[in-house]
Every structure is written in C-alpha cells, then in structure tokens.
Amino acid sequence: MPECQHFDIGCPSRQLFDQIADKWSMMVLTVLDPGPMRFNAIKRHMEGVTQKALTQCLRKLERNGLLSRRVIPTSPVGVEYEITALGRSLHAPFKALYRWTLDNLDEVEKSRQAFDLRAA
C-alpha cells in the first residue's frame, strides 16, 4: 500500500489513525492491558467518559480488530472486552508516547505560559 503524503480525505491511514489515536481508544486499550473487563469496570477506570462515548469507542476498536467482545450467558446477559494480539501491538507505541509526555511536560507548560503571556 502506498504511503500518503498529504493525509487527504482518501488516505486509508487517516481514518485508522483518527480511530486509534483518540484519547478514549488509548485509555481503553491501557485499561484493558491487565486482562478482560466488563463494560462498567472499564467505565469506572475512565473518569469523564460517557456511556455513549465508551460504547462507540468499544465498537470501533472491535471493528478494527483491536479488541474482542464476548457475550457472557448470565442473567442479565453480560459482555466482556479483551485486547487482541493486534491491539496489544499498540502498547509499545502508546507507552513511548506517554513517556514522551512525561519527559516533556515541563517544557510544554513553559511554552504554554509564554504563549499565553504574548497573547494577553
């Protein structure tokens, strides 16, 4: 597959990048790292996420093959989510990005403050 140079609308990587790099997807994959979880357990680990946003996120991650969904035949019926091997392959890049944020947070904050002073 040819690489996109301009991230135009037709670039196949653009939609996938949008879906895996959004904050909820990164958080869901991180929360599920220790093992499978049910919906409400995931939600409890993600302060501020709405039920609708989490549902949409889980569906797109499942559609992209990054997690699997298993129906638990209980009463009421339960659903459990688990990271797939493909989803696990994102952990190294996500951890590198997280490490970058920690390593550069002070410099970013200084830049923000300088910008805000110039803009004021």
PDB file of N, CA and C in Angstrom:
ATOM      1  N   MET A   1       0.853  -1.176   0.000  1.00  0.00           N
ATOM      2  CA  MET A   1       0.000   0.000   0.000  1.00  0.00           C
ATOM      3  C   MET A   1       0.901   1.242   0.000  1.00  0.00           C
ATOM      4  N   PRO A   2       0.639   2.182  -0.887  1.00  0.00           N
ATOM      5  CA  PRO A   2       1.472   3.397  -0.924  1.00  0.00           C
ATOM      6  C   PRO A   2       1.215   4.274   0.295  1.00  0.00           C
ATOM      7  N   GLU A   3       2.264   4.947   0.735  1.00  0.00           N
ATOM      8  CA  GLU A   3       2.126   5.858   1.867  1.00  0.00           C
ATOM      9  C   GLU A   3       1.482   7.160   1.409  1.00  0.00           C
ATOM     10  N   CYS A   4       0.661   7.725   2.267  1.00  0.00           N
ATOM     11  CA  CYS A   4       0.025   9.010   1.967  1.00  0.00           C
ATOM     12  C   CYS A   4       0.997  10.124   2.338  1.00  0.00           C
ATOM     13  N   GLN A   5       1.088  11.107   1.503  1.00  0.00           N
ATOM     14  CA  GLN A   5       1.993  12.219   1.766  1.00  0.00           C
ATOM     15  C   GLN A   5       1.276  13.445   2.309  1.00  0.00           C
ATOM     16  N   HIS A   6      -0.011  13.553   2.083  1.00  0.00           N
ATOM     17  CA  HIS A   6      -0.730  14.776   2.445  1.00  0.00           C
ATOM     18  C   HIS A   6      -1.918  14.543   3.363  1.00  0.00           C
ATOM     19  N   PHE A   7      -2.164  13.320   3.783  1.00  0.00           N
ATOM     20  CA  PHE A   7      -3.306  12.989   4.633  1.00  0.00           C
ATOM     21  C   PHE A   7      -4.614  13.529   4.073  1.00  0.00           C
ATOM     22  N   ASP A   8      -4.777  13.347   2.764  1.00  0.00           N
ATOM     23  CA  ASP A   8      -6.029  13.777   2.149  1.00  0.00           C
ATOM     24  C   ASP A   8      -7.169  12.864   2.597  1.00  0.00           C
ATOM     25  N   ILE A   9      -8.376  13.240   2.247  1.00  0.00           N
ATOM     26  CA  ILE A   9      -9.576  12.505   2.657  1.00  0.00           C
ATOM     27  C   ILE A   9      -9.500  11.034   2.250  1.00  0.00           C
ATOM     28  N   GLY A  10      -8.920  10.748   1.107  1.00  0.00           N
ATOM     29  CA  GLY A  10      -8.864   9.376   0.611  1.00  0.00           C
ATOM     30  C   GLY A  10      -7.736   8.541   1.183  1.00  0.00           C
ATOM     31  N   CYS A  11      -6.907   9.099   2.024  1.00  0.00           N
ATOM     32  CA  CYS A  11      -5.777   8.364   2.595  1.00  0.00           C
ATOM     33  C   CYS A  11      -6.303   7.292   3.552  1.00  0.00           C
ATOM     34  N   PRO A  12      -6.053   6.018   3.271  1.00  0.00           N
ATOM     35  CA  PRO A  12      -6.611   4.955   4.121  1.00  0.00           C
ATOM     36  C   PRO A  12      -6.089   4.979   5.555  1.00  0.00           C
ATOM     37  N   SER A  13      -4.899   5.511   5.762  1.00  0.00           N
ATOM     38  CA  SER A  13      -4.361   5.540   7.123  1.00  0.00           C
ATOM     39  C   SER A  13      -5.022   6.626   7.977  1.00  0.00           C
ATOM     40  N   ARG A  14      -5.606   7.610   7.348  1.00  0.00           N
ATOM     41  CA  ARG A  14      -6.162   8.742   8.091  1.00  0.00           C
ATOM     42  C   ARG A  14      -7.278   8.321   9.043  1.00  0.00           C
ATOM     43  N   GLN A  15      -8.225   7.548   8.539  1.00  0.00           N
ATOM     44  CA  GLN A  15      -9.345   7.125   9.383  1.00  0.00           C
ATOM     45  C   GLN A  15      -8.861   6.213  10.512  1.00  0.00           C
ATOM     46  N   LEU A  16      -7.971   5.280  10.192  1.00  0.00           N
ATOM     47  CA  LEU A  16      -7.468   4.382  11.227  1.00  0.00           C
ATOM     48  C   LEU A  16      -6.684   5.166  12.277  1.00  0.00           C
ATOM     49  N   PHE A  17      -5.857   6.096  11.823  1.00  0.00           N
ATOM     50  CA  PHE A  17      -5.102   6.924  12.768  1.00  0.00           C
ATOM     51  C   PHE A  17      -6.054   7.699  13.675  1.00  0.00           C
ATOM     52  N   ASP A  18      -7.095   8.285  13.108  1.00  0.00           N
ATOM     53  CA  ASP A  18      -8.087   9.013  13.910  1.00  0.00           C
ATOM     54  C   ASP A  18      -8.712   8.103  14.961  1.00  0.00           C
ATOM     55  N   GLN A  19      -8.960   6.856  14.594  1.00  0.00           N
ATOM     56  CA  GLN A  19      -9.645   5.939  15.499  1.00  0.00           C
ATOM     57  C   GLN A  19      -8.752   5.393  16.606  1.00  0.00           C
ATOM     58  N   ILE A  20      -7.484   5.168  16.326  1.00  0.00           N
ATOM     59  CA  ILE A  20      -6.639   4.598  17.378  1.00  0.00           C
ATOM     60  C   ILE A  20      -5.943   5.659  18.224  1.00  0.00           C
ATOM     61  N   ALA A  21      -5.839   6.876  17.715  1.00  0.00           N
ATOM     62  CA  ALA A  21      -5.093   7.900  18.434  1.00  0.00           C
ATOM     63  C   ALA A  21      -5.983   8.826  19.257  1.00  0.00           C
ATOM     64  N   ASP A  22      -7.284   8.592  19.267  1.00  0.00           N
ATOM     65  CA  ASP A  22      -8.121   9.464  20.094  1.00  0.00           C
ATOM     66  C   ASP A  22      -7.954   9.075  21.570  1.00  0.00           C
ATOM     67  N   LYS A  23      -8.258   9.988  22.452  1.00  0.00           N
ATOM     68  CA  LYS A  23      -7.984   9.767  23.874  1.00  0.00           C
ATOM     69  C   LYS A  23      -8.716   8.566  24.449  1.00  0.00           C
ATOM     70  N   TRP A  24      -9.963   8.341  24.067  1.00  0.00           N
ATOM     71  CA  TRP A  24     -10.712   7.234  24.660  1.00  0.00           C
ATOM     72  C   TRP A  24     -10.138   5.892  24.228  1.00  0.00           C
ATOM     73  N   SER A  25      -9.767   5.763  22.956  1.00  0.00           N
ATOM     74  CA  SER A  25      -9.216   4.489  22.482  1.00  0.00           C
ATOM     75  C   SER A  25      -7.921   4.154  23.204  1.00  0.00           C
ATOM     76  N   MET A  26      -7.060   5.138  23.348  1.00  0.00           N
ATOM     77  CA  MET A  26      -5.790   4.901  24.036  1.00  0.00           C
ATOM     78  C   MET A  26      -6.038   4.508  25.489  1.00  0.00           C
ATOM     79  N   MET A  27      -7.011   5.155  26.120  1.00  0.00           N
ATOM     80  CA  MET A  27      -7.321   4.831  27.510  1.00  0.00           C
ATOM     81  C   MET A  27      -7.928   3.443  27.642  1.00  0.00           C
ATOM     82  N   VAL A  28      -8.858   3.098  26.755  1.00  0.00           N
ATOM     83  CA  VAL A  28      -9.489   1.772  26.807  1.00  0.00           C
ATOM     84  C   VAL A  28      -8.430   0.682  26.672  1.00  0.00           C
ATOM     85  N   LEU A  29      -7.545   0.823  25.699  1.00  0.00           N
ATOM     86  CA  LEU A  29      -6.523  -0.201  25.494  1.00  0.00           C
ATOM     87  C   LEU A  29      -5.575  -0.285  26.686  1.00  0.00           C
ATOM     88  N   THR A  30      -5.328   0.831  27.338  1.00  0.00           N
ATOM     89  CA  THR A  30      -4.482   0.828  28.531  1.00  0.00           C
ATOM     90  C   THR A  30      -5.203   0.172  29.707  1.00  0.00           C
ATOM     91  N   VAL A  31      -6.483   0.510  29.886  1.00  0.00           N
ATOM     92  CA  VAL A  31      -7.277  -0.066  30.980  1.00  0.00           C
ATOM     93  C   VAL A  31      -7.404  -1.579  30.821  1.00  0.00           C
ATOM     94  N   LEU A  32      -7.524  -2.048  29.584  1.00  0.00           N
ATOM     95  CA  LEU A  32      -7.689  -3.483  29.341  1.00  0.00           C
ATOM     96  C   LEU A  32      -6.369  -4.254  29.345  1.00  0.00           C
ATOM     97  N   ASP A  33      -5.257  -3.569  29.527  1.00  0.00           N
ATOM     98  CA  ASP A  33      -3.955  -4.237  29.490  1.00  0.00           C
ATOM     99  C   ASP A  33      -3.849  -5.404  30.471  1.00  0.00           C
ATOM    100  N   PRO A  34      -4.320  -5.262  31.720  1.00  0.00           N
ATOM    101  CA  PRO A  34      -4.178  -6.385  32.665  1.00  0.00           C
ATOM    102  C   PRO A  34      -5.021  -7.615  32.312  1.00  0.00           C
ATOM    103  N   GLY A  35      -6.105  -7.420  31.569  1.00  0.00           N
ATOM    104  CA  GLY A  35      -6.953  -8.558  31.215  1.00  0.00           C
ATOM    105  C   GLY A  35      -8.361  -8.117  30.881  1.00  0.00           C
ATOM    106  N   PRO A  36      -9.215  -9.081  30.536  1.00  0.00           N
ATOM    107  CA  PRO A  36     -10.592  -8.780  30.123  1.00  0.00           C
ATOM    108  C   PRO A  36     -11.381  -8.058  31.214  1.00  0.00           C
ATOM    109  N   MET A  37     -12.322  -7.223  30.772  1.00  0.00           N
ATOM    110  CA  MET A  37     -13.178  -6.487  31.708  1.00  0.00           C
ATOM    111  C   MET A  37     -14.559  -6.315  31.098  1.00  0.00           C
ATOM    112  N   ARG A  38     -15.506  -6.143  31.990  1.00  0.00           N
ATOM    113  CA  ARG A  38     -16.857  -5.821  31.561  1.00  0.00           C
ATOM    114  C   ARG A  38     -16.976  -4.312  31.388  1.00  0.00           C
ATOM    115  N   PHE A  39     -18.038  -3.905  30.698  1.00  0.00           N
ATOM    116  CA  PHE A  39     -18.259  -2.506  30.333  1.00  0.00           C
ATOM    117  C   PHE A  39     -18.146  -1.570  31.541  1.00  0.00           C
ATOM    118  N   ASN A  40     -18.895  -1.849  32.599  1.00  0.00           N
ATOM    119  CA  ASN A  40     -18.918  -0.934  33.745  1.00  0.00           C
ATOM    120  C   ASN A  40     -17.573  -0.864  34.451  1.00  0.00           C
ATOM    121  N   ALA A  41     -16.812  -1.946  34.438  1.00  0.00           N
ATOM    122  CA  ALA A  41     -15.473  -1.918  35.039  1.00  0.00           C
ATOM    123  C   ALA A  41     -14.566  -0.997  34.229  1.00  0.00           C
ATOM    124  N   ILE A  42     -14.677  -1.069  32.911  1.00  0.00           N
ATOM    125  CA  ILE A  42     -13.896  -0.174  32.051  1.00  0.00           C
ATOM    126  C   ILE A  42     -14.286   1.265  32.344  1.00  0.00           C
ATOM    127  N   LYS A  43     -15.588   1.519  32.387  1.00  0.00           N
ATOM    128  CA  LYS A  43     -16.095   2.874  32.603  1.00  0.00           C
ATOM    129  C   LYS A  43     -15.616   3.452  33.939  1.00  0.00           C
ATOM    130  N   ARG A  44     -15.547   2.617  34.971  1.00  0.00           N
ATOM    131  CA  ARG A  44     -15.093   3.089  36.290  1.00  0.00           C
ATOM    132  C   ARG A  44     -13.628   3.545  36.253  1.00  0.00           C
ATOM    133  N   HIS A  45     -12.853   3.007  35.346  1.00  0.00           N
ATOM    134  CA  HIS A  45     -11.440   3.373  35.227  1.00  0.00           C
ATOM    135  C   HIS A  45     -11.223   4.626  34.374  1.00  0.00           C
ATOM    136  N   MET A  46     -12.281   5.137  33.767  1.00  0.00           N
ATOM    137  CA  MET A  46     -12.135   6.242  32.811  1.00  0.00           C
ATOM    138  C   MET A  46     -13.030   7.410  33.204  1.00  0.00           C
ATOM    139  N   GLU A  47     -12.575   8.180  34.142  1.00  0.00           N
ATOM    140  CA  GLU A  47     -13.349   9.312  34.624  1.00  0.00           C
ATOM    141  C   GLU A  47     -13.668  10.269  33.481  1.00  0.00           C
ATOM    142  N   GLY A  48     -14.938  10.656  33.391  1.00  0.00           N
ATOM    143  CA  GLY A  48     -15.358  11.635  32.397  1.00  0.00           C
ATOM    144  C   GLY A  48     -15.920  11.061  31.115  1.00  0.00           C
ATOM    145  N   VAL A  49     -15.737   9.765  30.874  1.00  0.00           N
ATOM    146  CA  VAL A  49     -16.280   9.184  29.642  1.00  0.00           C
ATOM    147  C   VAL A  49     -17.771   8.923  29.839  1.00  0.00           C
ATOM    148  N   THR A  50     -18.546   9.247  28.819  1.00  0.00           N
ATOM    149  CA  THR A  50     -19.976   8.958  28.881  1.00  0.00           C
ATOM    150  C   THR A  50     -20.222   7.532  28.396  1.00  0.00           C
ATOM    151  N   GLN A  51     -21.384   7.013  28.733  1.00  0.00           N
ATOM    152  CA  GLN A  51     -21.744   5.663  28.280  1.00  0.00           C
ATOM    153  C   GLN A  51     -21.748   5.610  26.755  1.00  0.00           C
ATOM    154  N   LYS A  52     -22.297   6.646  26.123  1.00  0.00           N
ATOM    155  CA  LYS A  52     -22.359   6.690  24.662  1.00  0.00           C
ATOM    156  C   LYS A  52     -20.960   6.716  24.046  1.00  0.00           C
ATOM    157  N   ALA A  53     -20.072   7.563  24.571  1.00  0.00           N
ATOM    158  CA  ALA A  53     -18.721   7.668  24.020  1.00  0.00           C
ATOM    159  C   ALA A  53     -17.960   6.355  24.195  1.00  0.00           C
ATOM    160  N   LEU A  54     -18.118   5.712  25.352  1.00  0.00           N
ATOM    161  CA  LEU A  54     -17.432   4.447  25.587  1.00  0.00           C
ATOM    162  C   LEU A  54     -17.977   3.355  24.679  1.00  0.00           C
ATOM    163  N   THR A  55     -19.288   3.309  24.518  1.00  0.00           N
ATOM    164  CA  THR A  55     -19.894   2.320  23.624  1.00  0.00           C
ATOM    165  C   THR A  55     -19.375   2.488  22.197  1.00  0.00           C
ATOM    166  N   GLN A  56     -19.355   3.723  21.707  1.00  0.00           N
ATOM    167  CA  GLN A  56     -18.857   3.986  20.350  1.00  0.00           C
ATOM    168  C   GLN A  56     -17.390   3.605  20.216  1.00  0.00           C
ATOM    169  N   CYS A  57     -16.611   3.917  21.227  1.00  0.00           N
ATOM    170  CA  CYS A  57     -15.185   3.603  21.212  1.00  0.00           C
ATOM    171  C   CYS A  57     -14.966   2.085  21.168  1.00  0.00           C
ATOM    172  N   LEU A  58     -15.668   1.355  22.030  1.00  0.00           N
ATOM    173  CA  LEU A  58     -15.520  -0.101  22.061  1.00  0.00           C
ATOM    174  C   LEU A  58     -15.920  -0.726  20.729  1.00  0.00           C
ATOM    175  N   ARG A  59     -16.979  -0.222  20.123  1.00  0.00           N
ATOM    176  CA  ARG A  59     -17.419  -0.751  18.824  1.00  0.00           C
ATOM    177  C   ARG A  59     -16.372  -0.541  17.736  1.00  0.00           C
ATOM    178  N   LYS A  60     -15.790   0.662  17.686  1.00  0.00           N
ATOM    179  CA  LYS A  60     -14.811   0.908  16.629  1.00  0.00           C
ATOM    180  C   LYS A  60     -13.528   0.130  16.882  1.00  0.00           C
ATOM    181  N   LEU A  61     -13.134  -0.049  18.142  1.00  0.00           N
ATOM    182  CA  LEU A  61     -11.960  -0.865  18.439  1.00  0.00           C
ATOM    183  C   LEU A  61     -12.204  -2.328  18.064  1.00  0.00           C
ATOM    184  N   GLU A  62     -13.413  -2.798  18.316  1.00  0.00           N
ATOM    185  CA  GLU A  62     -13.766  -4.170  17.913  1.00  0.00           C
ATOM    186  C   GLU A  62     -13.780  -4.289  16.396  1.00  0.00           C
ATOM    187  N   ARG A  63     -14.375  -3.326  15.725  1.00  0.00           N
ATOM    188  CA  ARG A  63     -14.449  -3.342  14.258  1.00  0.00           C
ATOM    189  C   ARG A  63     -13.050  -3.356  13.632  1.00  0.00           C
ATOM    190  N   ASN A  64     -12.121  -2.623  14.248  1.00  0.00           N
ATOM    191  CA  ASN A  64     -10.752  -2.558  13.737  1.00  0.00           C
ATOM    192  C   ASN A  64      -9.896  -3.755  14.157  1.00  0.00           C
ATOM    193  N   GLY A  65     -10.475  -4.671  14.929  1.00  0.00           N
ATOM    194  CA  GLY A  65      -9.751  -5.874  15.332  1.00  0.00           C
ATOM    195  C   GLY A  65      -8.806  -5.673  16.496  1.00  0.00           C
ATOM    196  N   LEU A  66      -8.970  -4.563  17.239  1.00  0.00           N
ATOM    197  CA  LEU A  66      -8.060  -4.267  18.338  1.00  0.00           C
ATOM    198  C   LEU A  66      -8.535  -4.831  19.673  1.00  0.00           C
ATOM    199  N   LEU A  67      -9.808  -5.163  19.740  1.00  0.00           N
ATOM    200  CA  LEU A  67     -10.318  -5.871  20.906  1.00  0.00           C
ATOM    201  C   LEU A  67     -11.423  -6.808  20.484  1.00  0.00           C
ATOM    202  N   SER A  68     -11.683  -7.767  21.345  1.00  0.00           N
ATOM    203  CA  SER A  68     -12.758  -8.728  21.076  1.00  0.00           C
ATOM    204  C   SER A  68     -13.832  -8.557  22.139  1.00  0.00           C
ATOM    205  N   ARG A  69     -15.017  -8.948  21.769  1.00  0.00           N
ATOM    206  CA  ARG A  69     -16.196  -8.816  22.637  1.00  0.00           C
ATOM    207  C   ARG A  69     -16.761 -10.202  22.827  1.00  0.00           C
ATOM    208  N   ARG A  70     -16.974 -10.583  24.093  1.00  0.00           N
ATOM    209  CA  ARG A  70     -17.510 -11.912  24.383  1.00  0.00           C
ATOM    210  C   ARG A  70     -18.772 -11.763  25.216  1.00  0.00           C
ATOM    211  N   VAL A  71     -19.847 -12.388  24.744  1.00  0.00           N
ATOM    212  CA  VAL A  71     -21.116 -12.368  25.475  1.00  0.00           C
ATOM    213  C   VAL A  71     -21.055 -13.436  26.552  1.00  0.00           C
ATOM    214  N   ILE A  72     -21.390 -13.041  27.779  1.00  0.00           N
ATOM    215  CA  ILE A  72     -21.396 -13.956  28.914  1.00  0.00           C
ATOM    216  C   ILE A  72     -22.847 -14.352  29.176  1.00  0.00           C
ATOM    217  N   PRO A  73     -23.168 -15.639  29.026  1.00  0.00           N
ATOM    218  CA  PRO A  73     -24.562 -16.081  29.179  1.00  0.00           C
ATOM    219  C   PRO A  73     -24.996 -16.137  30.646  1.00  0.00           C
ATOM    220  N   THR A  74     -25.215 -14.953  31.220  1.00  0.00           N
ATOM    221  CA  THR A  74     -25.722 -14.853  32.585  1.00  0.00           C
ATOM    222  C   THR A  74     -27.064 -14.147  32.531  1.00  0.00           C
ATOM    223  N   SER A  75     -27.664 -13.983  33.673  1.00  0.00           N
ATOM    224  CA  SER A  75     -28.916 -13.240  33.721  1.00  0.00           C
ATOM    225  C   SER A  75     -28.716 -12.043  34.643  1.00  0.00           C
ATOM    226  N   PRO A  76     -28.733 -10.819  34.148  1.00  0.00           N
ATOM    227  CA  PRO A  76     -28.835 -10.447  32.732  1.00  0.00           C
ATOM    228  C   PRO A  76     -27.535 -10.772  31.985  1.00  0.00           C
ATOM    229  N   VAL A  77     -27.650 -10.783  30.680  1.00  0.00           N
ATOM    230  CA  VAL A  77     -26.515 -11.111  29.833  1.00  0.00           C
ATOM    231  C   VAL A  77     -25.402 -10.091  30.048  1.00  0.00           C
ATOM    232  N   GLY A  78     -24.171 -10.563  30.150  1.00  0.00           N
ATOM    233  CA  GLY A  78     -23.026  -9.682  30.331  1.00  0.00           C
ATOM    234  C   GLY A  78     -22.150  -9.690  29.093  1.00  0.00           C
ATOM    235  N   VAL A  79     -21.303  -8.705  28.987  1.00  0.00           N
ATOM    236  CA  VAL A  79     -20.369  -8.601  27.869  1.00  0.00           C
ATOM    237  C   VAL A  79     -18.993  -8.274  28.447  1.00  0.00           C
ATOM    238  N   GLU A  80     -17.997  -8.962  27.917  1.00  0.00           N
ATOM    239  CA  GLU A  80     -16.634  -8.757  28.367  1.00  0.00           C
ATOM    240  C   GLU A  80     -15.768  -8.377  27.167  1.00  0.00           C
ATOM    241  N   TYR A  81     -14.843  -7.449  27.385  1.00  0.00           N
ATOM    242  CA  TYR A  81     -13.953  -6.976  26.327  1.00  0.00           C
ATOM    243  C   TYR A  81     -12.523  -7.365  26.652  1.00  0.00           C
ATOM    244  N   GLU A  82     -11.769  -7.713  25.599  1.00  0.00           N
ATOM    245  CA  GLU A  82     -10.382  -8.120  25.781  1.00  0.00           C
ATOM    246  C   GLU A  82      -9.550  -7.622  24.594  1.00  0.00           C
ATOM    247  N   ILE A  83      -8.332  -7.242  24.865  1.00  0.00           N
ATOM    248  CA  ILE A  83      -7.433  -6.792  23.802  1.00  0.00           C
ATOM    249  C   ILE A  83      -7.013  -7.993  22.964  1.00  0.00           C
ATOM    250  N   THR A  84      -6.981  -7.803  21.652  1.00  0.00           N
ATOM    251  CA  THR A  84      -6.482  -8.837  20.747  1.00  0.00           C
ATOM    252  C   THR A  84      -4.960  -8.680  20.608  1.00  0.00           C
ATOM    253  N   ALA A  85      -4.351  -9.619  19.917  1.00  0.00           N
ATOM    254  CA  ALA A  85      -2.907  -9.522  19.658  1.00  0.00           C
ATOM    255  C   ALA A  85      -2.591  -8.247  18.871  1.00  0.00           C
ATOM    256  N   LEU A  86      -3.451  -7.914  17.918  1.00  0.00           N
ATOM    257  CA  LEU A  86      -3.254  -6.689  17.142  1.00  0.00           C
ATOM    258  C   LEU A  86      -3.327  -5.458  18.047  1.00  0.00           C
ATOM    259  N   GLY A  87      -4.287  -5.447  18.951  1.00  0.00           N
ATOM    260  CA  GLY A  87      -4.409  -4.345  19.902  1.00  0.00           C
ATOM    261  C   GLY A  87      -3.205  -4.248  20.819  1.00  0.00           C
ATOM    262  N   ARG A  88      -2.689  -5.397  21.256  1.00  0.00           N
ATOM    263  CA  ARG A  88      -1.501  -5.404  22.117  1.00  0.00           C
ATOM    264  C   ARG A  88      -0.281  -4.833  21.410  1.00  0.00           C
ATOM    265  N   SER A  89      -0.257  -4.952  20.090  1.00  0.00           N
ATOM    266  CA  SER A  89       0.899  -4.431  19.346  1.00  0.00           C
ATOM    267  C   SER A  89       0.980  -2.905  19.425  1.00  0.00           C
ATOM    268  N   LEU A  90      -0.087  -2.243  19.882  1.00  0.00           N
ATOM    269  CA  LEU A  90      -0.071  -0.788  20.062  1.00  0.00           C
ATOM    270  C   LEU A  90       0.518  -0.354  21.404  1.00  0.00           C
ATOM    271  N   HIS A  91       0.710  -1.280  22.328  1.00  0.00           N
ATOM    272  CA  HIS A  91       1.183  -0.885  23.650  1.00  0.00           C
ATOM    273  C   HIS A  91       2.560  -0.226  23.619  1.00  0.00           C
ATOM    274  N   ALA A  92       3.478  -0.733  22.843  1.00  0.00           N
ATOM    275  CA  ALA A  92       4.819  -0.121  22.798  1.00  0.00           C
ATOM    276  C   ALA A  92       4.748   1.321  22.283  1.00  0.00           C
ATOM    277  N   PRO A  93       4.061   1.579  21.154  1.00  0.00           N
ATOM    278  CA  PRO A  93       3.957   2.982  20.719  1.00  0.00           C
ATOM    279  C   PRO A  93       3.201   3.868  21.714  1.00  0.00           C
ATOM    280  N   PHE A  94       2.137   3.358  22.343  1.00  0.00           N
ATOM    281  CA  PHE A  94       1.393   4.148  23.322  1.00  0.00           C
ATOM    282  C   PHE A  94       2.267   4.470  24.529  1.00  0.00           C
ATOM    283  N   LYS A  95       3.031   3.481  25.004  1.00  0.00           N
ATOM    284  CA  LYS A  95       3.906   3.713  26.155  1.00  0.00           C
ATOM    285  C   LYS A  95       4.995   4.716  25.804  1.00  0.00           C
ATOM    286  N   ALA A  96       5.507   4.645  24.573  1.00  0.00           N
ATOM    287  CA  ALA A  96       6.525   5.609  24.136  1.00  0.00           C
ATOM    288  C   ALA A  96       5.931   7.021  24.108  1.00  0.00           C
ATOM    289  N   LEU A  97       4.708   7.152  23.621  1.00  0.00           N
ATOM    290  CA  LEU A  97       4.046   8.453  23.582  1.00  0.00           C
ATOM    291  C   LEU A  97       3.800   8.975  24.999  1.00  0.00           C
ATOM    292  N   TYR A  98       3.355   8.111  25.884  1.00  0.00           N
ATOM    293  CA  TYR A  98       3.130   8.503  27.274  1.00  0.00           C
ATOM    294  C   TYR A  98       4.441   8.939  27.927  1.00  0.00           C
ATOM    295  N   ARG A  99       5.497   8.190  27.694  1.00  0.00           N
ATOM    296  CA  ARG A  99       6.811   8.547  28.228  1.00  0.00           C
ATOM    297  C   ARG A  99       7.234   9.919  27.715  1.00  0.00           C
ATOM    298  N   TRP A 100       6.978  10.181  26.410  1.00  0.00           N
ATOM    299  CA  TRP A 100       7.309  11.477  25.826  1.00  0.00           C
ATOM    300  C   TRP A 100       6.563  12.595  26.549  1.00  0.00           C
ATOM    301  N   THR A 101       5.278  12.374  26.841  1.00  0.00           N
ATOM    302  CA  THR A 101       4.504  13.418  27.520  1.00  0.00           C
ATOM    303  C   THR A 101       5.081  13.703  28.898  1.00  0.00           C
ATOM    304  N   LEU A 102       5.477  12.666  29.621  1.00  0.00           N
ATOM    305  CA  LEU A 102       6.062  12.873  30.944  1.00  0.00           C
ATOM    306  C   LEU A 102       7.408  13.586  30.848  1.00  0.00           C
ATOM    307  N   ASP A 103       8.223  13.165  29.888  1.00  0.00           N
ATOM    308  CA  ASP A 103       9.551  13.753  29.725  1.00  0.00           C
ATOM    309  C   ASP A 103       9.508  15.211  29.294  1.00  0.00           C
ATOM    310  N   ASN A 104       8.453  15.617  28.588  1.00  0.00           N
ATOM    311  CA  ASN A 104       8.400  16.955  28.000  1.00  0.00           C
ATOM    312  C   ASN A 104       7.338  17.865  28.594  1.00  0.00           C
ATOM    313  N   LEU A 105       6.656  17.400  29.611  1.00  0.00           N
ATOM    314  CA  LEU A 105       5.555  18.172  30.183  1.00  0.00           C
ATOM    315  C   LEU A 105       6.010  19.539  30.690  1.00  0.00           C
ATOM    316  N   ASP A 106       7.146  19.609  31.360  1.00  0.00           N
ATOM    317  CA  ASP A 106       7.630  20.901  31.870  1.00  0.00           C
ATOM    318  C   ASP A 106       7.905  21.877  30.730  1.00  0.00           C
ATOM    319  N   GLU A 107       8.551  21.393  29.678  1.00  0.00           N
ATOM    320  CA  GLU A 107       8.859  22.270  28.540  1.00  0.00           C
ATOM    321  C   GLU A 107       7.589  22.738  27.835  1.00  0.00           C
ATOM    322  N   VAL A 108       6.632  21.830  27.695  1.00  0.00           N
ATOM    323  CA  VAL A 108       5.352  22.197  27.077  1.00  0.00           C
ATOM    324  C   VAL A 108       4.640  23.235  27.928  1.00  0.00           C
ATOM    325  N   GLU A 109       4.659  23.049  29.236  1.00  0.00           N
ATOM    326  CA  GLU A 109       3.993  24.010  30.123  1.00  0.00           C
ATOM    327  C   GLU A 109       4.645  25.391  30.028  1.00  0.00           C
ATOM    328  N   LYS A 110       5.971  25.455  29.946  1.00  0.00           N
ATOM    329  CA  LYS A 110       6.664  26.733  29.773  1.00  0.00           C
ATOM    330  C   LYS A 110       6.260  27.394  28.458  1.00  0.00           C
ATOM    331  N   SER A 111       6.153  26.598  27.412  1.00  0.00           N
ATOM    332  CA  SER A 111       5.728  27.136  26.111  1.00  0.00           C
ATOM    333  C   SER A 111       4.308  27.667  26.177  1.00  0.00           C
ATOM    334  N   ARG A 112       3.435  26.953  26.865  1.00  0.00           N
ATOM    335  CA  ARG A 112       2.046  27.408  27.020  1.00  0.00           C
ATOM    336  C   ARG A 112       2.003  28.750  27.743  1.00  0.00           C
ATOM    337  N   GLN A 113       2.746  28.847  28.836  1.00  0.00           N
ATOM    338  CA  GLN A 113       2.757  30.087  29.606  1.00  0.00           C
ATOM    339  C   GLN A 113       3.302  31.249  28.787  1.00  0.00           C
ATOM    340  N   ALA A 114       4.384  31.016  28.041  1.00  0.00           N
ATOM    341  CA  ALA A 114       4.959  32.072  27.196  1.00  0.00           C
ATOM    342  C   ALA A 114       3.967  32.498  26.126  1.00  0.00           C
ATOM    343  N   PHE A 115       3.295  31.557  25.527  1.00  0.00           N
ATOM    344  CA  PHE A 115       2.283  31.870  24.517  1.00  0.00           C
ATOM    345  C   PHE A 115       1.166  32.705  25.119  1.00  0.00           C
ATOM    346  N   ASP A 116       0.661  32.260  26.279  1.00  0.00           N
ATOM    347  CA  ASP A 116      -0.433  32.978  26.927  1.00  0.00           C
ATOM    348  C   ASP A 116      -0.045  34.414  27.290  1.00  0.00           C
ATOM    349  N   LEU A 117       1.203  34.615  27.703  1.00  0.00           N
ATOM    350  CA  LEU A 117       1.664  35.965  28.014  1.00  0.00           C
ATOM    351  C   LEU A 117       1.708  36.835  26.757  1.00  0.00           C
ATOM    352  N   ARG A 118       2.186  36.253  25.649  1.00  0.00           N
ATOM    353  CA  ARG A 118       2.229  37.006  24.379  1.00  0.00           C
ATOM    354  C   ARG A 118       0.822  37.308  23.861  1.00  0.00           C
ATOM    355  N   ALA A 119      -0.093  36.393  24.079  1.00  0.00           N
ATOM    356  CA  ALA A 119      -1.456  36.552  23.559  1.00  0.00           C
ATOM    357  C   ALA A 119      -2.286  37.518  24.406  1.00  0.00           C
ATOM    358  N   ALA A 120      -1.866  37.729  25.646  1.00  0.00           N
ATOM    359  CA  ALA A 120      -2.653  38.572  26.547  1.00  0.00           C
ATOM    360  C   ALA A 120      -2.542  40.048  26.211  1.00  0.00           C
TER     361      ALA A 120
END
